[in-house]
Amino acid sequence: MTDELGAFWVFLSDSPLLGLTATLLAFLAATWLWERAGRHPLAHPVLPAIVLLMGFLWVTGIEYQTYFDGAQYIHFLLGPATVALAIPLYDHLERIRKLLIPLLVAGTAGAATAALSAVGVALALGASRETLLSLAPKSVTSPIAMGIAERIGGLPSLTAGLVLITGTMGCITAPLVFRVLRLRDESVRGFALGVAAHGFGTAQAFGISALAGAFAGLGLGLAGILTALILPLLPALLPG
């Protein structure tokens, strides 16, 4: 049995399947922990999965690029998954039409506040220009955020990490915010999650209901478009 496991590990470690398998197992383990914790926001699956994968790469000494050769298949699915959000949006098209103006105003305010508040705090703390430009698109989904950062002079790799932190924090704090503000409307909850916590928030919104997930997808897309339109103006406003 030990020899068979050893042979399987030798095969797996030389295969792109390693990154894919490790990612899926880490997510399954993290989801199990989340369920055991009663779906507590602090036990959101993203955090344990990241820790498990970091520990796995550190213990095995596997290079990140070797891991990503397999994990890239999951990364590739981000694009089709984002496009697929149009399906639940279509199911609720009539409701979205009725709320179009409030949604546009809320989305613009949310995207502008997310970018400008983060840049303002970092500027006050003395962050460099490059860090500020990397931080600004942190609240939109990774493919858009990294493209914006590259275009305005930020570091796409730093932006990718900040996007992860933003999504995780948004999912953790959202239930408390909803309780404090007594937000019970599922469309409002979903839209807020999509604008503030991009794909992570959208996934969490689908856990609330299909309606919340549809509005989260709308918020995610709207925040991405508005941020891409607003942030190219930012470099001219920053000192240096």
Foldseek 3Di string as FASTA:
>chain_A
DVVVVVVVCVVLLPDLVVLVVLLVVLLVVLVVVCVVVVVALVSPSVVSSVVSVVVVCVVVVDDPVSNCSNVVVVVVCVVVVLVVLVVLLVVCVVVCVVCVVVLLVVLLVLLVCQQPVQLVVCVVVPDDPQVSLLRRLLQADLVLSLVSSVVQRHHSVSSNVSVSVQLSVLSNCLVVVCVVVVPDDLLVSLLVLLQRRNPSSLVVSVVVHSNSNSSSSVNNVSSSVSSSVPSSVVVVVDDD
